[in-house]
Amino acid sequence: MDDAQAADVPSHSWLGAPIDARPLFAPEQAALMTTLRGLAPADWAEEAVPGWTVRDLAAHLLGDFYGRLARDRDGHRTGPSPAPDETLQAFIHRSNQEWVDAQRRVSPAALTETLDLVGGQVARYFQAAEPGAPSLGVSWAGVDPAPMWLDSARDLTEFWTHRQQIRHAAGQGTDPDPRFLSVVLDTFMRALPHTLREITAPVGTQVRVRVDGPGGGHWAVTATGPSWSLAEPTVERPAALVELDTETAWRLCTRGIQPDTALARARVDGDRELAGAACRIVSIIY
């Protein structure tokens, strides 16, 4: 890349250090297949998320797989598009529902085998991706286009989250494997600057979020003037510290629980208003 090209590449330093989720797609795919093949026949009809059964959620994952390969690997641009005046969120929810409805004629066994075939191709696509290349926007982080490292990490969080929803519907707990959970939580927390975008605070004001448990970590978001940044150095004492356990943290970010519930479970030190604002984090299209 020459100097002129480099000057055209937007800086994403405010998002924090890049995440490399590429090595996790193959093991996440393997974990999904183990989960699906271990389901009892009755499990497929259990509700996994409001309005969708386990079978529906598996079909949705297949749609995600096909969409990524068609759009980004194959350059295929034909497909559904937003209606006039339709928001991005409304379009995504509508097209997802249309896909799931169309797949209801497909058996769980056929879905599982197709997910195995296509999911492996998705893992190989991401493993070969260039982390710094521009890619799909990540609306909940407030960046469009996003660097591939964030776009791919976002997809890993979606695959992981849907696998947990399937596990829960089948009566299983959250997979505690810190290999996945640490990257999932790190990706979710990249939403913090966007979450606080409407909060005005003196430059240097810092909010820290600490997640305790398997895969936990800590993140510091700092007011830089008109915006907030995960790249700023830490200060000795933040204006607000929010401590969450891992289960509360990931469920909050995916709206499995509401902000008030998370705040009630949290340990807060300092400015409760800032802590409450941080607990409004959403790391999915909601």
Protein backbone atom coordinates (compact mmCIF):
# COMPACT_ATOMS: atom_id res chain seq x y z
CA MET A 1 0.00 0.00 0.00
CA ASP A 2 1.48 3.38 -1.00
CA ASP A 3 1.24 6.58 1.06
CA ALA A 4 -1.74 7.90 -0.91
CA GLN A 5 -3.71 4.70 -0.38
CA ALA A 6 -2.80 4.59 3.31
CA ALA A 7 -4.14 8.12 3.75
CA ASP A 8 -7.53 6.94 2.46
CA VAL A 9 -7.83 4.16 5.05
CA PRO A 10 -9.92 5.39 7.99
CA SER A 11 -8.46 5.08 11.48
CA HIS A 12 -10.38 2.83 13.84
CA SER A 13 -8.08 3.32 16.82
CA TRP A 14 -11.03 4.44 18.95
CA LEU A 15 -12.35 0.86 18.71
CA GLY A 16 -9.33 -0.44 20.60
CA ALA A 17 -6.80 -3.06 19.61
CA PRO A 18 -7.93 -5.33 16.74
CA ILE A 19 -9.35 -8.75 17.56
CA ASP A 20 -8.28 -11.82 15.61
CA ALA A 21 -11.27 -14.17 15.69
CA ARG A 22 -10.16 -16.12 12.62
CA PRO A 23 -8.75 -19.18 14.44
CA LEU A 24 -12.04 -19.68 16.30
CA PHE A 25 -14.44 -20.17 13.40
CA ALA A 26 -13.52 -23.81 12.81
CA PRO A 27 -13.81 -24.85 16.49
CA GLU A 28 -17.03 -22.83 16.85
CA GLN A 29 -18.43 -24.64 13.82
CA ALA A 30 -17.40 -27.98 15.33
CA ALA A 31 -19.07 -27.06 18.62
CA LEU A 32 -22.27 -26.13 16.78
CA MET A 33 -22.37 -29.49 15.02
CA THR A 34 -21.80 -31.33 18.29
CA THR A 35 -24.68 -29.39 19.83
CA LEU A 36 -27.09 -30.02 16.94
CA ARG A 37 -26.24 -33.71 16.63
CA GLY A 38 -26.77 -34.15 20.36
CA LEU A 39 -30.32 -32.79 20.32
CA ALA A 40 -33.27 -35.06 21.04
CA PRO A 41 -36.06 -34.98 18.41
CA ALA A 42 -38.31 -33.00 20.76
CA ASP A 43 -35.61 -30.35 21.32
CA TRP A 44 -36.00 -29.04 17.77
CA ALA A 45 -39.50 -27.78 18.57
CA GLU A 46 -38.49 -25.96 21.76
CA GLU A 47 -38.52 -22.16 21.67
CA ALA A 48 -34.96 -20.85 21.37
CA VAL A 49 -35.76 -17.13 21.04
CA PRO A 50 -39.17 -15.44 21.09
CA GLY A 51 -41.11 -16.66 18.05
CA TRP A 52 -38.46 -19.09 16.82
CA THR A 53 -37.89 -22.73 17.65
CA VAL A 54 -34.50 -24.43 17.71
CA ARG A 55 -35.20 -25.59 14.16
CA ASP A 56 -35.98 -22.00 13.11
CA LEU A 57 -32.78 -20.70 14.71
CA ALA A 58 -30.72 -23.37 12.94
CA ALA A 59 -32.33 -22.31 9.66
CA HIS A 60 -31.45 -18.70 10.44
CA LEU A 61 -27.81 -19.68 10.96
CA LEU A 62 -27.83 -21.39 7.57
CA GLY A 63 -29.13 -18.17 6.03
CA ASP A 64 -26.29 -16.25 7.68
CA PHE A 65 -23.77 -18.73 6.29
CA TYR A 66 -25.13 -18.55 2.75
CA GLY A 67 -25.38 -14.77 2.89
CA ARG A 68 -21.75 -14.31 3.92
CA LEU A 69 -20.45 -16.66 1.22
CA ALA A 70 -22.66 -15.24 -1.52
CA ARG A 71 -21.93 -11.60 -0.79
CA ASP A 72 -18.29 -11.59 0.25
CA ARG A 73 -16.71 -14.73 -1.18
CA ASP A 74 -18.65 -14.99 -4.44
CA GLY A 75 -19.55 -11.33 -5.12
CA HIS A 76 -23.21 -12.26 -5.59
CA ARG A 77 -25.33 -9.11 -5.33
CA THR A 78 -28.82 -10.41 -6.18
CA GLY A 79 -31.17 -10.81 -3.26
CA PRO A 80 -33.71 -9.01 -1.06
CA SER A 81 -33.34 -5.29 -0.50
CA PRO A 82 -35.00 -2.76 1.81
CA ALA A 83 -38.41 -1.45 0.84
CA PRO A 84 -38.84 2.33 0.48
CA ASP A 85 -38.51 4.00 3.88
CA GLU A 86 -37.71 0.64 5.57
CA THR A 87 -35.05 0.90 8.27
CA LEU A 88 -32.04 -1.39 8.30
CA GLN A 89 -33.30 -3.14 11.41
CA ALA A 90 -36.78 -3.67 9.93
CA PHE A 91 -35.33 -4.96 6.67
CA ILE A 92 -33.03 -7.43 8.43
CA HIS A 93 -35.81 -8.75 10.65
CA ARG A 94 -38.18 -9.09 7.69
CA SER A 95 -35.71 -10.86 5.42
CA ASN A 96 -34.62 -13.16 8.25
CA GLN A 97 -38.24 -14.13 8.90
CA GLU A 98 -38.92 -14.75 5.22
CA TRP A 99 -35.90 -17.07 5.04
CA VAL A 100 -36.91 -18.98 8.18
CA ASP A 101 -40.49 -19.35 6.93
CA ALA A 102 -39.25 -20.75 3.61
CA GLN A 103 -37.00 -23.27 5.38
CA ARG A 104 -39.76 -24.80 7.51
CA ARG A 105 -40.20 -27.59 4.97
CA VAL A 106 -36.59 -28.71 5.61
CA SER A 107 -36.09 -31.44 8.20
CA PRO A 108 -33.73 -31.07 11.17
CA ALA A 109 -31.53 -33.83 9.76
CA ALA A 110 -31.21 -32.09 6.39
CA LEU A 111 -30.57 -28.74 8.09
CA THR A 112 -27.81 -30.27 10.20
CA GLU A 113 -26.03 -31.83 7.24
CA THR A 114 -26.27 -28.61 5.21
CA LEU A 115 -24.99 -26.53 8.12
CA ASP A 116 -22.04 -28.90 8.38
CA LEU A 117 -21.19 -28.50 4.70
CA VAL A 118 -21.72 -24.74 4.39
CA GLY A 119 -20.40 -23.83 7.84
CA GLY A 120 -17.05 -25.35 7.01
CA GLN A 121 -16.83 -23.11 3.96
CA VAL A 122 -17.61 -20.06 6.10
CA ALA A 123 -14.84 -20.99 8.55
CA ARG A 124 -12.36 -21.30 5.70
CA TYR A 125 -13.48 -17.96 4.26
CA PHE A 126 -12.85 -16.14 7.53
CA GLN A 127 -9.54 -17.90 8.13
CA ALA A 128 -8.26 -16.43 4.85
CA ALA A 129 -9.72 -12.93 5.38
CA GLU A 130 -7.49 -9.84 5.60
CA PRO A 131 -8.15 -8.26 9.04
CA GLY A 132 -7.57 -4.65 7.98
CA ALA A 133 -9.68 -4.73 4.81
CA PRO A 134 -12.89 -2.67 4.77
CA SER A 135 -15.98 -4.80 5.28
CA LEU A 136 -19.62 -4.65 6.33
CA GLY A 137 -20.62 -1.95 8.80
CA VAL A 138 -21.21 -2.86 12.42
CA SER A 139 -24.12 -0.64 13.38
CA TRP A 140 -23.99 -1.30 17.10
CA ALA A 141 -20.35 -0.13 17.17
CA GLY A 142 -21.16 2.94 15.06
CA VAL A 143 -18.74 2.15 12.22
CA ASP A 144 -19.49 1.71 8.52
CA PRO A 145 -17.52 0.36 6.76
CA ALA A 146 -15.98 -1.64 9.55
CA PRO A 147 -12.57 -3.27 9.35
CA MET A 148 -12.80 -6.98 8.61
CA TRP A 149 -11.39 -7.84 12.04
CA LEU A 150 -14.48 -6.33 13.68
CA ASP A 151 -16.95 -7.60 11.08
CA SER A 152 -15.64 -11.15 11.38
CA ALA A 153 -15.52 -11.00 15.18
CA ARG A 154 -19.12 -9.76 15.11
CA ASP A 155 -20.12 -12.84 13.08
CA LEU A 156 -18.34 -15.12 15.54
CA THR A 157 -20.35 -13.56 18.38
CA GLU A 158 -23.57 -14.16 16.47
CA PHE A 159 -22.74 -17.80 15.79
CA TRP A 160 -21.70 -18.30 19.42
CA THR A 161 -24.79 -16.56 20.81
CA HIS A 162 -27.18 -18.60 18.69
CA ARG A 163 -25.42 -21.79 19.81
CA GLN A 164 -26.00 -20.80 23.44
CA GLN A 165 -29.66 -20.11 22.73
CA ILE A 166 -29.98 -23.60 21.25
CA ARG A 167 -28.19 -25.10 24.25
CA HIS A 168 -30.48 -23.28 26.68
CA ALA A 169 -33.60 -24.40 24.80
CA ALA A 170 -32.37 -27.98 25.16
CA GLY A 171 -31.83 -27.56 28.90
CA GLN A 172 -28.07 -27.06 28.77
CA GLY A 173 -26.05 -24.24 30.30
CA THR A 174 -23.84 -21.68 28.60
CA ASP A 175 -20.65 -23.12 27.15
CA PRO A 176 -17.98 -21.87 29.59
CA ASP A 177 -15.04 -22.42 27.21
CA PRO A 178 -12.94 -19.26 27.70
CA ARG A 179 -11.45 -19.58 24.19
CA PHE A 180 -14.76 -18.43 22.77
CA LEU A 181 -16.13 -16.38 25.65
CA SER A 182 -13.08 -14.11 25.93
CA VAL A 183 -13.30 -13.11 22.25
CA VAL A 184 -17.09 -12.80 22.37
CA LEU A 185 -16.98 -10.45 25.36
CA ASP A 186 -14.08 -8.45 23.92
CA THR A 187 -16.06 -7.97 20.71
CA PHE A 188 -19.26 -7.02 22.52
CA MET A 189 -17.43 -4.34 24.50
CA ARG A 190 -16.42 -2.57 21.29
CA ALA A 191 -19.94 -1.14 21.46
CA LEU A 192 -19.06 1.00 24.49
CA PRO A 193 -17.97 4.17 22.63
CA HIS A 194 -21.16 4.09 20.54
CA THR A 195 -23.25 3.33 23.63
CA LEU A 196 -21.98 6.50 25.33
CA ARG A 197 -22.10 8.69 22.22
CA GLU A 198 -24.83 10.96 23.62
CA ILE A 199 -23.23 11.31 27.05
CA THR A 200 -21.36 14.60 27.45
CA ALA A 201 -18.47 14.47 29.90
CA PRO A 202 -15.21 16.35 30.45
CA VAL A 203 -12.30 15.14 28.32
CA GLY A 204 -10.50 12.36 30.15
CA THR A 205 -13.58 11.07 31.97
CA GLN A 206 -13.34 7.32 32.02
CA VAL A 207 -15.78 4.46 32.52
CA ARG A 208 -14.41 0.99 33.16
CA VAL A 209 -16.26 -2.29 32.75
CA ARG A 210 -14.83 -5.37 34.38
CA VAL A 211 -16.21 -8.83 33.73
CA ASP A 212 -15.33 -11.52 36.24
CA GLY A 213 -15.31 -15.22 35.48
CA PRO A 214 -14.25 -17.48 32.59
CA GLY A 215 -13.25 -15.37 29.60
CA GLY A 216 -13.63 -12.14 31.52
CA GLY A 217 -11.53 -9.02 31.22
CA HIS A 218 -11.64 -5.26 31.65
CA TRP A 219 -12.30 -2.38 29.27
CA ALA A 220 -11.89 1.38 29.68
CA VAL A 221 -13.74 3.91 27.56
CA THR A 222 -12.63 7.53 27.75
CA ALA A 223 -14.29 10.80 26.77
CA THR A 224 -12.19 12.50 24.08
CA GLY A 225 -14.36 15.56 23.42
CA PRO A 226 -17.11 14.94 20.89
CA SER A 227 -16.90 11.16 21.29
CA TRP A 228 -15.60 8.27 23.41
CA SER A 229 -12.67 5.97 22.75
CA LEU A 230 -11.38 2.58 23.83
CA ALA A 231 -7.88 3.60 22.74
CA GLU A 232 -7.16 6.24 25.37
CA PRO A 233 -4.76 5.39 28.22
CA THR A 234 -6.30 4.53 31.55
CA VAL A 235 -6.47 6.99 34.39
CA GLU A 236 -5.68 6.18 38.00
CA ARG A 237 -9.30 6.29 39.09
CA PRO A 238 -12.25 6.08 36.65
CA ALA A 239 -15.39 8.13 37.12
CA ALA A 240 -17.38 4.90 37.16
CA LEU A 241 -16.50 1.22 37.50
CA VAL A 242 -19.02 -1.47 36.58
CA GLU A 243 -18.29 -5.07 37.54
CA LEU A 244 -20.38 -7.86 36.00
CA ASP A 245 -20.18 -11.63 35.94
CA THR A 246 -19.75 -13.28 32.53
CA GLU A 247 -23.30 -14.61 32.27
CA THR A 248 -24.83 -11.23 33.05
CA ALA A 249 -22.44 -9.46 30.65
CA TRP A 250 -23.11 -11.50 27.53
CA ARG A 251 -26.84 -11.70 28.16
CA LEU A 252 -26.96 -7.91 28.62
CA CYS A 253 -25.12 -7.28 25.36
CA THR A 254 -27.54 -9.54 23.46
CA ARG A 255 -30.62 -8.28 25.33
CA GLY A 256 -31.21 -11.59 27.04
CA ILE A 257 -31.65 -9.38 30.10
CA GLN A 258 -32.50 -5.69 30.35
CA PRO A 259 -30.13 -2.92 31.49
CA ASP A 260 -31.94 -2.39 34.80
CA THR A 261 -31.53 -6.07 35.65
CA ALA A 262 -27.83 -6.00 34.80
CA LEU A 263 -27.30 -2.83 36.82
CA ALA A 264 -29.04 -4.40 39.82
CA ARG A 265 -26.66 -7.39 39.60
CA ALA A 266 -23.57 -5.24 39.04
CA ARG A 267 -21.11 -3.89 41.55
CA VAL A 268 -20.82 -0.16 40.84
CA ASP A 269 -18.18 2.19 42.15
CA GLY A 270 -18.47 5.88 41.36
CA ASP A 271 -20.96 7.74 39.16
CA ARG A 272 -24.10 5.60 38.93
CA GLU A 273 -25.46 7.66 36.05
CA LEU A 274 -22.41 6.86 33.94
CA ALA A 275 -22.57 3.24 35.06
CA GLY A 276 -26.22 3.07 34.05
CA ALA A 277 -25.38 4.55 30.66
CA ALA A 278 -22.71 1.88 30.12
CA CYS A 279 -25.24 -0.82 31.00
CA ARG A 280 -27.37 0.29 28.06
CA ILE A 281 -24.83 -1.45 25.81
CA VAL A 282 -26.30 -3.46 22.91
CA SER A 283 -24.00 -5.56 20.75
CA ILE A 284 -26.55 -6.93 18.30
CA ILE A 285 -29.00 -5.41 15.81
CA TYR A 286 -31.91 -4.98 18.17
